[in-house]
Protein backbone atom coordinates (compact mmCIF):
# COMPACT_ATOMS: atom_id res chain seq x y z
CA MET A 1 7.42 -1.62 22.07
CA LEU A 2 5.90 -0.54 18.44
CA PRO A 3 2.77 0.44 18.18
CA ARG A 4 0.10 -2.97 17.96
CA VAL A 5 -2.70 -3.27 16.00
CA PRO A 6 -6.13 -3.49 17.72
CA LEU A 7 -7.69 -6.94 16.30
CA ALA A 8 -11.26 -8.38 15.95
CA ILE A 9 -11.82 -11.86 17.71
CA LYS A 10 -12.13 -14.46 15.40
CA HIS A 11 -12.49 -18.49 15.51
CA VAL A 12 -11.86 -21.09 13.61
CA GLU A 13 -14.87 -23.09 14.12
CA ASP A 14 -17.05 -20.47 12.20
CA TYR A 15 -14.93 -21.33 8.80
CA LEU A 16 -16.68 -24.71 8.61
CA ASP A 17 -19.11 -24.23 6.16
CA ALA A 18 -16.77 -22.26 4.01
CA ALA A 19 -13.88 -24.16 4.27
CA GLY A 20 -14.74 -27.62 5.10
CA GLY A 21 -14.03 -29.99 7.91
CA ASP A 22 -10.86 -31.54 6.43
CA ALA A 23 -9.57 -27.89 6.30
CA LEU A 24 -10.22 -27.03 10.25
CA GLU A 25 -8.78 -30.82 11.43
CA SER A 26 -5.74 -30.31 9.49
CA LEU A 27 -5.19 -26.44 10.45
CA ARG A 28 -5.85 -27.63 14.63
CA GLU A 29 -3.07 -30.28 13.81
CA ALA A 30 -0.45 -27.79 12.51
CA ALA A 31 -1.10 -25.66 15.12
CA ARG A 32 -0.60 -27.89 18.38
CA PRO A 33 2.83 -27.67 18.71
CA PHE A 34 2.90 -24.09 18.48
CA GLU A 35 0.29 -23.20 21.32
CA GLY A 36 1.88 -20.83 24.19
CA ALA A 37 4.25 -19.78 21.20
CA ARG A 38 5.02 -16.33 20.91
CA VAL A 39 4.55 -15.33 16.88
CA LEU A 40 4.79 -11.28 15.82
CA HIS A 41 4.05 -10.08 12.26
CA LEU A 42 5.58 -6.79 11.35
CA ASN A 43 4.51 -4.68 8.45
CA SER A 44 4.13 -0.86 7.43
CA THR A 45 0.27 -0.35 7.33
CA SER A 46 -2.92 -1.54 8.99
CA PHE A 47 -5.06 -0.60 6.14
CA GLY A 48 -5.20 0.43 2.72
CA GLY A 49 -3.19 -2.63 1.34
CA GLY A 50 -3.24 -6.31 0.82
CA VAL A 51 -0.94 -7.56 3.90
CA ALA A 52 -3.10 -5.90 6.00
CA GLU A 53 -6.20 -7.63 5.19
CA LEU A 54 -4.20 -10.98 5.35
CA LEU A 55 -3.39 -9.92 9.03
CA HIS A 56 -6.47 -8.92 9.93
CA ALA A 57 -7.63 -12.35 8.79
CA GLN A 58 -4.68 -14.46 10.24
CA ILE A 59 -3.41 -13.02 13.73
CA PRO A 60 -7.06 -13.55 15.55
CA LEU A 61 -7.03 -16.76 13.94
CA LEU A 62 -3.63 -18.28 15.34
CA ARG A 63 -5.22 -16.51 18.60
CA ASP A 64 -8.31 -18.66 18.37
CA LEU A 65 -5.61 -21.70 17.57
CA GLY A 66 -3.66 -21.02 21.33
CA VAL A 67 -0.82 -19.79 19.64
CA ASP A 68 0.64 -15.76 21.36
CA ALA A 69 0.47 -14.02 18.03
CA ASP A 70 0.42 -10.23 17.66
CA TRP A 71 1.06 -7.37 14.77
CA ALA A 72 2.90 -4.72 15.07
CA LEU A 73 3.86 -1.41 12.70
CA VAL A 74 7.11 0.07 11.33
CA GLN A 75 7.29 3.68 12.24
CA GLY A 76 8.22 5.55 9.08
CA SER A 77 8.07 8.93 7.75
CA GLU A 78 6.85 10.77 4.63
CA GLU A 79 10.51 10.57 3.64
CA TYR A 80 11.07 6.73 4.53
CA PHE A 81 8.18 5.91 2.92
CA ASN A 82 8.80 7.38 -0.76
CA ILE A 83 11.78 5.91 -0.29
CA THR A 84 10.13 2.26 0.31
CA LYS A 85 7.92 2.89 -2.20
CA ALA A 86 10.52 3.18 -4.70
CA VAL A 87 12.15 0.16 -3.28
CA HIS A 88 9.01 -1.88 -3.84
CA ASN A 89 9.04 -0.48 -7.37
CA ALA A 90 12.40 -1.23 -8.44
CA LEU A 91 12.20 -5.14 -6.66
CA GLN A 92 8.85 -5.39 -9.29
CA GLY A 93 11.62 -4.26 -12.04
CA ALA A 94 11.15 -0.31 -12.49
CA ASN A 95 14.74 1.55 -12.87
CA VAL A 96 14.90 4.06 -9.83
CA ALA A 97 16.99 6.13 -8.21
CA TRP A 98 18.67 4.48 -5.26
CA THR A 99 21.13 6.95 -3.60
CA ASP A 100 23.56 6.99 -0.70
CA GLU A 101 21.06 9.43 1.42
CA MET A 102 18.28 6.89 0.54
CA ARG A 103 20.15 4.18 1.98
CA ARG A 104 20.90 6.67 5.38
CA ILE A 105 17.53 7.17 5.84
CA TYR A 106 16.34 3.81 5.48
CA TRP A 107 19.01 2.69 7.88
CA GLU A 108 18.11 5.64 10.13
CA ARG A 109 14.59 4.47 10.79
CA ILE A 110 15.25 0.97 10.91
CA ARG A 111 17.51 1.37 13.37
CA GLU A 112 15.07 3.61 15.68
CA ASN A 113 12.28 0.66 14.93
CA ALA A 114 14.66 -1.88 15.91
CA ALA A 115 15.37 -0.02 19.42
CA HIS A 116 11.79 -0.16 20.12
CA LEU A 117 11.61 -4.19 19.48
CA THR A 118 12.29 -5.24 23.14
CA GLU A 119 10.17 -8.22 23.75
CA PRO A 120 11.42 -11.36 22.72
CA PHE A 121 9.16 -13.84 20.44
CA ASP A 122 9.65 -17.30 19.09
CA PHE A 123 8.68 -15.95 15.57
CA VAL A 124 8.78 -12.91 13.82
CA PHE A 125 7.50 -12.40 10.45
CA LEU A 126 8.71 -9.45 8.60
CA HIS A 127 6.57 -8.57 5.21
CA ASP A 128 8.05 -6.80 2.57
CA PRO A 129 11.11 -4.45 2.29
CA GLN A 130 9.84 -1.64 4.51
CA PRO A 131 11.42 -3.73 7.84
CA ALA A 132 13.54 -6.31 6.20
CA GLY A 133 16.85 -4.37 7.82
CA ILE A 134 15.47 -4.80 11.34
CA LEU A 135 17.02 -8.59 11.94
CA THR A 136 20.57 -6.79 10.46
CA ALA A 137 20.12 -3.98 13.35
CA LEU A 138 19.32 -6.35 16.03
CA GLU A 139 21.90 -8.75 15.04
CA GLU A 140 24.82 -5.84 14.88
CA GLU A 141 23.39 -5.29 18.41
CA GLY A 142 23.50 -8.74 19.80
CA ARG A 143 19.90 -8.81 20.35
CA ARG A 144 18.48 -11.35 17.82
CA THR A 145 16.26 -14.42 19.59
CA GLY A 146 13.84 -16.74 18.03
CA ARG A 147 13.41 -17.71 14.26
CA TRP A 148 13.03 -15.00 11.77
CA LEU A 149 11.25 -15.33 8.39
CA TRP A 150 10.88 -13.22 5.63
CA ARG A 151 7.36 -12.67 3.67
CA CYS A 152 7.89 -10.82 -0.03
CA HIS A 153 4.64 -10.36 -1.50
CA ILE A 154 6.08 -8.27 -4.68
CA ASP A 155 6.57 -9.87 -8.27
CA MET A 156 10.30 -10.03 -7.46
CA SER A 157 10.90 -12.30 -11.00
CA ALA A 158 13.42 -9.20 -12.70
CA PRO A 159 14.58 -6.79 -9.78
CA PHE A 160 16.52 -4.10 -10.73
CA GLU A 161 19.67 -5.11 -9.57
CA PRO A 162 21.29 -2.31 -7.79
CA VAL A 163 18.29 -2.27 -5.43
CA TRP A 164 18.21 -6.23 -4.89
CA ARG A 165 21.88 -6.14 -4.26
CA PHE A 166 21.03 -4.25 -0.79
CA PHE A 167 18.52 -6.35 0.18
CA GLU A 168 19.94 -9.51 -0.46
CA PRO A 169 22.22 -10.05 2.39
CA LEU A 170 19.60 -8.24 4.52
CA VAL A 171 17.48 -11.23 3.32
CA ASP A 172 19.64 -13.84 3.48
CA ARG A 173 19.92 -13.36 7.35
CA PHE A 174 16.49 -14.96 7.78
CA ASP A 175 15.67 -18.52 9.00
CA ALA A 176 13.54 -18.26 6.10
CA ALA A 177 12.25 -16.56 3.30
CA ILE A 178 8.59 -16.80 1.61
CA PHE A 179 8.02 -15.97 -2.00
CA THR A 180 4.54 -16.18 -3.27
CA MET A 181 5.97 -18.64 -6.56
CA GLU A 182 9.07 -20.12 -7.36
CA GLU A 183 9.72 -17.71 -9.94
CA PHE A 184 9.61 -14.54 -7.68
CA ALA A 185 12.71 -16.32 -5.87
CA GLN A 186 16.49 -15.03 -6.38
CA ALA A 187 19.30 -17.41 -6.64
CA GLY A 188 21.55 -15.52 -4.62
CA LEU A 189 20.00 -16.43 -1.17
CA ARG A 190 22.03 -18.88 0.63
CA ARG A 191 20.65 -19.19 4.34
CA PRO A 192 17.00 -19.42 4.57
CA VAL A 193 14.99 -21.96 3.89
CA LEU A 194 13.00 -20.78 0.40
CA ALA A 195 9.07 -21.69 0.90
CA PHE A 196 6.40 -21.03 -1.83
CA ILE A 197 3.30 -20.06 -0.26
CA PRO A 198 0.27 -18.00 -2.14
CA PRO A 199 -2.23 -15.37 -0.23
CA SER A 200 -5.28 -16.13 0.20
CA ILE A 201 -8.72 -14.35 1.08
CA ASP A 202 -10.90 -14.19 4.29
CA PRO A 203 -14.40 -15.65 3.54
CA LEU A 204 -15.94 -14.51 6.74
CA SER A 205 -14.67 -10.63 6.08
CA ASN A 206 -16.84 -7.82 5.31
CA LYS A 207 -15.44 -7.89 2.20
CA ASN A 208 -15.99 -11.12 1.09
CA ASN A 209 -19.18 -12.74 2.86
CA ASP A 210 -22.63 -13.00 1.84
CA ILE A 211 -24.38 -10.15 1.61
CA THR A 212 -28.27 -9.37 0.46
CA PRO A 213 -29.38 -8.27 -2.60
CA ASP A 214 -30.94 -5.52 -1.48
CA MET A 215 -27.92 -4.17 0.35
CA VAL A 216 -26.16 -4.65 -3.04
CA LEU A 217 -28.58 -2.24 -4.19
CA GLY A 218 -28.85 0.35 -1.93
CA ILE A 219 -24.89 0.90 -1.49
CA VAL A 220 -24.95 0.69 -5.56
CA GLN A 221 -27.44 3.45 -6.28
CA HIS A 222 -25.81 5.40 -3.47
CA HIS A 223 -22.72 5.72 -5.06
CA GLY A 224 -24.37 6.96 -8.43
CA ILE A 225 -24.50 3.83 -10.42
CA ASP A 226 -27.12 2.36 -12.84
CA ILE A 227 -28.04 -0.68 -11.48
CA ASP A 228 -29.90 -1.65 -14.47
CA ARG A 229 -26.64 -1.03 -16.60
CA PRO A 230 -23.88 -3.94 -17.42
CA LEU A 231 -20.76 -2.80 -14.42
CA MET A 232 -17.18 -3.62 -15.06
CA THR A 233 -15.02 -3.21 -11.66
CA GLN A 234 -11.55 -2.86 -10.69
CA VAL A 235 -10.54 -2.77 -7.05
CA SER A 236 -6.70 -1.92 -6.59
CA ARG A 237 -4.90 0.63 -5.55
CA PHE A 238 -4.04 3.66 -7.78
CA ASP A 239 -0.63 2.34 -8.63
CA PRO A 240 1.24 2.18 -12.35
CA TRP A 241 1.67 -1.57 -11.66
CA LYS A 242 -2.12 -1.84 -11.77
CA ASP A 243 -2.70 -0.42 -15.06
CA PRO A 244 -5.46 1.88 -14.12
CA LEU A 245 -5.26 4.06 -17.37
CA GLY A 246 -5.31 0.63 -19.76
CA VAL A 247 -8.13 -0.32 -17.63
CA VAL A 248 -10.06 3.04 -19.24
CA ASP A 249 -8.35 2.20 -22.67
CA ALA A 250 -10.09 -1.09 -22.60
CA TYR A 251 -13.52 0.52 -21.29
CA ARG A 252 -13.39 2.68 -24.29
CA LEU A 253 -12.84 -0.13 -26.30
CA ILE A 254 -16.06 -1.91 -25.23
CA ARG A 255 -18.30 0.95 -25.32
CA ASP A 256 -18.00 0.77 -29.04
CA THR A 257 -19.80 -2.68 -28.93
CA VAL A 258 -21.78 -2.12 -25.34
CA PRO A 259 -22.65 1.15 -25.41
CA GLN A 260 -24.41 0.61 -22.06
CA LEU A 261 -21.34 -0.37 -20.11
CA GLN A 262 -20.49 1.63 -16.40
CA LEU A 263 -16.83 1.52 -15.40
CA LEU A 264 -16.20 1.77 -11.88
CA MET A 265 -12.08 1.78 -10.31
CA VAL A 266 -11.88 1.45 -6.61
CA GLY A 267 -8.91 2.22 -4.41
CA SER A 268 -7.39 2.92 -1.03
CA MET A 269 -5.07 5.32 0.02
CA ALA A 270 -2.88 3.61 2.13
CA ASP A 271 0.01 5.32 4.57
CA ASP A 272 2.71 3.87 2.94
CA ASP A 273 1.70 4.79 -0.29
CA PRO A 274 2.52 8.42 -1.43
CA GLU A 275 1.88 7.88 -5.07
CA GLY A 276 -1.47 6.26 -4.58
CA LEU A 277 -3.12 10.47 -5.33
CA HIS A 278 -0.91 11.41 -7.97
CA TYR A 279 -2.04 8.15 -9.98
CA LEU A 280 -5.64 9.27 -9.01
CA GLU A 281 -5.24 12.26 -10.52
CA MET A 282 -3.67 10.64 -13.71
CA THR A 283 -6.49 8.29 -14.03
CA ALA A 284 -8.83 10.99 -13.55
CA ALA A 285 -7.78 13.06 -16.06
CA HIS A 286 -7.57 10.03 -18.48
CA ALA A 287 -10.94 9.60 -17.45
CA GLY A 288 -12.23 12.87 -18.67
CA ASP A 289 -15.57 14.03 -18.21
CA ASP A 290 -17.00 10.72 -19.10
CA PRO A 291 -20.12 10.57 -16.59
CA ASP A 292 -19.94 6.59 -16.82
CA VAL A 293 -16.39 6.24 -14.99
CA HIS A 294 -16.70 6.33 -11.55
CA LEU A 295 -13.36 7.02 -9.28
CA LEU A 296 -13.99 5.80 -5.74
CA THR A 297 -11.21 5.79 -2.72
CA ASN A 298 -11.52 5.09 1.19
CA LEU A 299 -11.45 8.93 1.57
CA ASP A 300 -15.35 9.01 0.20
CA GLY A 301 -16.40 6.91 2.76
CA ILE A 302 -15.72 3.15 0.39
CA GLY A 303 -14.88 0.32 3.01
CA ASP A 304 -15.07 -3.40 2.74
CA LEU A 305 -18.59 -3.59 2.48
CA GLU A 306 -19.02 -1.53 -0.16
CA VAL A 307 -16.34 -2.87 -2.03
CA ASN A 308 -17.93 -6.36 -1.69
CA ALA A 309 -21.48 -4.77 -2.83
CA PHE A 310 -19.77 -3.34 -5.60
CA GLN A 311 -18.26 -6.85 -6.88
CA ARG A 312 -21.01 -8.44 -6.58
CA ALA A 313 -23.03 -6.18 -8.93
CA SER A 314 -20.23 -6.42 -11.40
CA GLU A 315 -20.92 -8.29 -14.41
CA VAL A 316 -17.34 -8.54 -15.31
CA VAL A 317 -14.25 -8.05 -12.57
CA VAL A 318 -10.70 -6.88 -14.21
CA GLN A 319 -7.24 -7.08 -12.38
CA LYS A 320 -5.18 -5.92 -15.32
CA SER A 321 -1.98 -5.62 -13.65
CA ILE A 322 1.34 -5.45 -15.40
CA ARG A 323 3.22 -6.84 -12.34
CA GLU A 324 1.33 -8.63 -9.79
CA GLY A 325 2.77 -10.19 -6.66
CA PHE A 326 -0.77 -12.21 -6.09
CA GLY A 327 -3.40 -9.85 -6.17
CA LEU A 328 -6.14 -10.63 -3.93
CA VAL A 329 -9.03 -8.85 -5.25
CA VAL A 330 -9.03 -11.79 -8.29
CA ALA A 331 -9.69 -14.52 -5.74
CA GLU A 332 -12.07 -12.00 -3.92
CA GLY A 333 -14.10 -11.73 -7.33
CA MET A 334 -13.93 -15.33 -7.62
CA TRP A 335 -15.40 -15.82 -4.60
CA LYS A 336 -18.18 -14.16 -5.21
CA GLY A 337 -18.80 -15.82 -8.58
CA LYS A 338 -17.83 -13.61 -11.34
CA PRO A 339 -15.39 -14.13 -14.24
CA VAL A 340 -12.19 -12.01 -14.11
CA ILE A 341 -9.98 -10.59 -16.23
CA GLY A 342 -6.47 -10.88 -15.41
CA GLY A 343 -3.35 -9.50 -16.41
CA ASN A 344 -1.48 -12.78 -17.38
CA VAL A 345 1.69 -11.78 -14.97
CA GLY A 346 2.94 -13.17 -11.57
CA GLY A 347 0.41 -14.48 -8.94
CA ILE A 348 -2.18 -13.74 -10.91
CA ARG A 349 -1.85 -16.82 -13.48
CA LEU A 350 -1.83 -19.27 -9.87
CA GLN A 351 -5.35 -17.86 -9.90
CA ILE A 352 -6.88 -17.64 -13.43
CA GLU A 353 -7.21 -20.55 -15.30
CA ASP A 354 -7.43 -19.13 -18.68
CA GLY A 355 -10.71 -19.49 -20.02
CA ARG A 356 -11.92 -22.00 -17.24
CA THR A 357 -12.09 -19.77 -14.38
CA GLY A 358 -11.39 -16.13 -16.09
CA PHE A 359 -9.35 -15.15 -18.53
CA LEU A 360 -5.89 -13.64 -18.83
CA VAL A 361 -4.90 -10.96 -21.31
CA ASP A 362 -1.67 -9.00 -22.18
CA SER A 363 -3.34 -6.08 -23.52
CA ALA A 364 -6.14 -3.46 -23.59
CA ASP A 365 -7.38 -4.73 -26.48
CA ALA A 366 -7.05 -8.32 -25.39
CA CYS A 367 -9.11 -7.13 -21.98
CA ALA A 368 -11.56 -5.21 -24.23
CA GLU A 369 -12.28 -8.62 -26.44
CA ARG A 370 -12.88 -10.80 -23.32
CA ALA A 371 -14.95 -8.49 -21.70
CA THR A 372 -16.77 -8.17 -24.68
CA ALA A 373 -17.69 -11.34 -25.02
CA LEU A 374 -18.48 -12.38 -21.07
CA LEU A 375 -20.78 -8.83 -21.24
CA ARG A 376 -22.83 -10.87 -24.52
CA ASP A 377 -22.82 -14.39 -22.95
CA PRO A 378 -24.76 -14.48 -19.43
CA ALA A 379 -24.36 -18.54 -19.44
CA LEU A 380 -20.46 -17.97 -20.08
CA ARG A 381 -20.32 -15.82 -16.98
CA GLU A 382 -22.08 -17.90 -14.99
CA ARG A 383 -19.86 -20.95 -15.92
CA LEU A 384 -16.76 -19.55 -15.03
CA GLY A 385 -17.97 -17.57 -12.06
CA ASP A 386 -19.20 -20.97 -10.43
CA SER A 387 -15.40 -22.78 -11.67
CA ALA A 388 -14.02 -20.08 -10.28
CA ARG A 389 -15.56 -19.72 -6.90
CA GLU A 390 -14.64 -23.56 -6.17
CA ARG A 391 -11.17 -22.72 -6.98
CA VAL A 392 -10.74 -20.63 -4.50
CA ARG A 393 -12.32 -22.62 -2.34
CA GLN A 394 -9.45 -25.24 -2.50
CA ARG A 395 -7.14 -23.29 -2.63
CA PHE A 396 -6.89 -19.39 -1.65
CA LEU A 397 -9.00 -19.39 1.56
CA THR A 398 -7.21 -18.08 4.50
CA LEU A 399 -6.94 -20.96 6.62
CA ARG A 400 -4.75 -22.88 4.43
CA GLU A 401 -2.15 -19.82 4.50
CA ILE A 402 -2.40 -19.93 8.04
CA GLU A 403 -1.39 -23.63 7.98
CA ASP A 404 0.99 -23.09 5.46
CA TYR A 405 3.15 -20.88 7.90
CA LEU A 406 2.47 -23.25 10.86
CA ARG A 407 4.39 -26.03 9.12
CA LEU A 408 6.98 -24.14 7.87
CA MET A 409 7.45 -22.75 11.64
CA ALA A 410 7.91 -26.22 12.35
CA LYS A 411 10.77 -26.99 9.50
CA VAL A 412 12.27 -23.80 10.88
CA ALA A 413 12.24 -24.36 14.51
């Protein structure tokens, strides 16, 4: 069997205060038909990205509901993950090289992983392109069992056609294909049931639960940030789609009128993202020697608790993506009662109601303008922040996403 991810123990009942009694009862009702069902989620990394965050919350709660759920990891190599990162970029619209050798390496790793997938499951969820070919490999060997669902977390509104033509027949073998929003689905898919399920956040995780002001103060000061001066924060991978250079540009524009502003950019170096260090170095070079620009990663000891404290200490949270499947950090900032300025793209539009729970922007200039207005107006920050938290409570907490999956499983069973 492929390597399993160790999981914490979680209880649905603990989410009563955050989600409400109706949400708990609706979830339990959806789970009853699947008590004892064997469910596997398969992806490429157990930390450092949004998919891993989702699964760390959802698999333990499925178990608490009586579902025999598990989580395994695709085994790759540096070469393989370089290829799948190129695929990720291509499916978000980048023009990349897509050669016979890249396809050969992809299939070589896929078949090696399929060979280790020997246990039968009632439902198998494959996340994103890294493991997408495993179902095809199993069918070629006559070893398909159960129902198979492909969960795409990528903004696929305008994929690079040569790469999508390779993956389309692989995805077309699934019983269901799950996208964050309708504009990401591709018209050529014929077999799968199409479902549109936005991701969610875990309100009880170390990244999102309530922490004391003293803890926030201690963490922020430990990392060299002045708690008495305004702070703008972006939390995301160092990745061209997150536009880290544009965030630095916006910060410089804001400093013309808010000279005390500090910028904090926090990212994680994940196993399946070989480009991360390169874009961190590019961001550092773009920021230069400005002592008020702080770039931190998990390599500096930054974890979920630190991210929680940084967001709570921030006057403004930004996610200035130029492509975004969803952007969990948007909902995370909103849950903490912060106005979030997000790129006017993809799944960010599902979360931010422009002018009501935050702002949507299309440029560094617009980002700077909105951030300046928020920094100058505490009442505006509070009003938008309160509305933002309530929107997340209603639409983007983890119990809702688990229920959506269970109801989809019932549809394809």
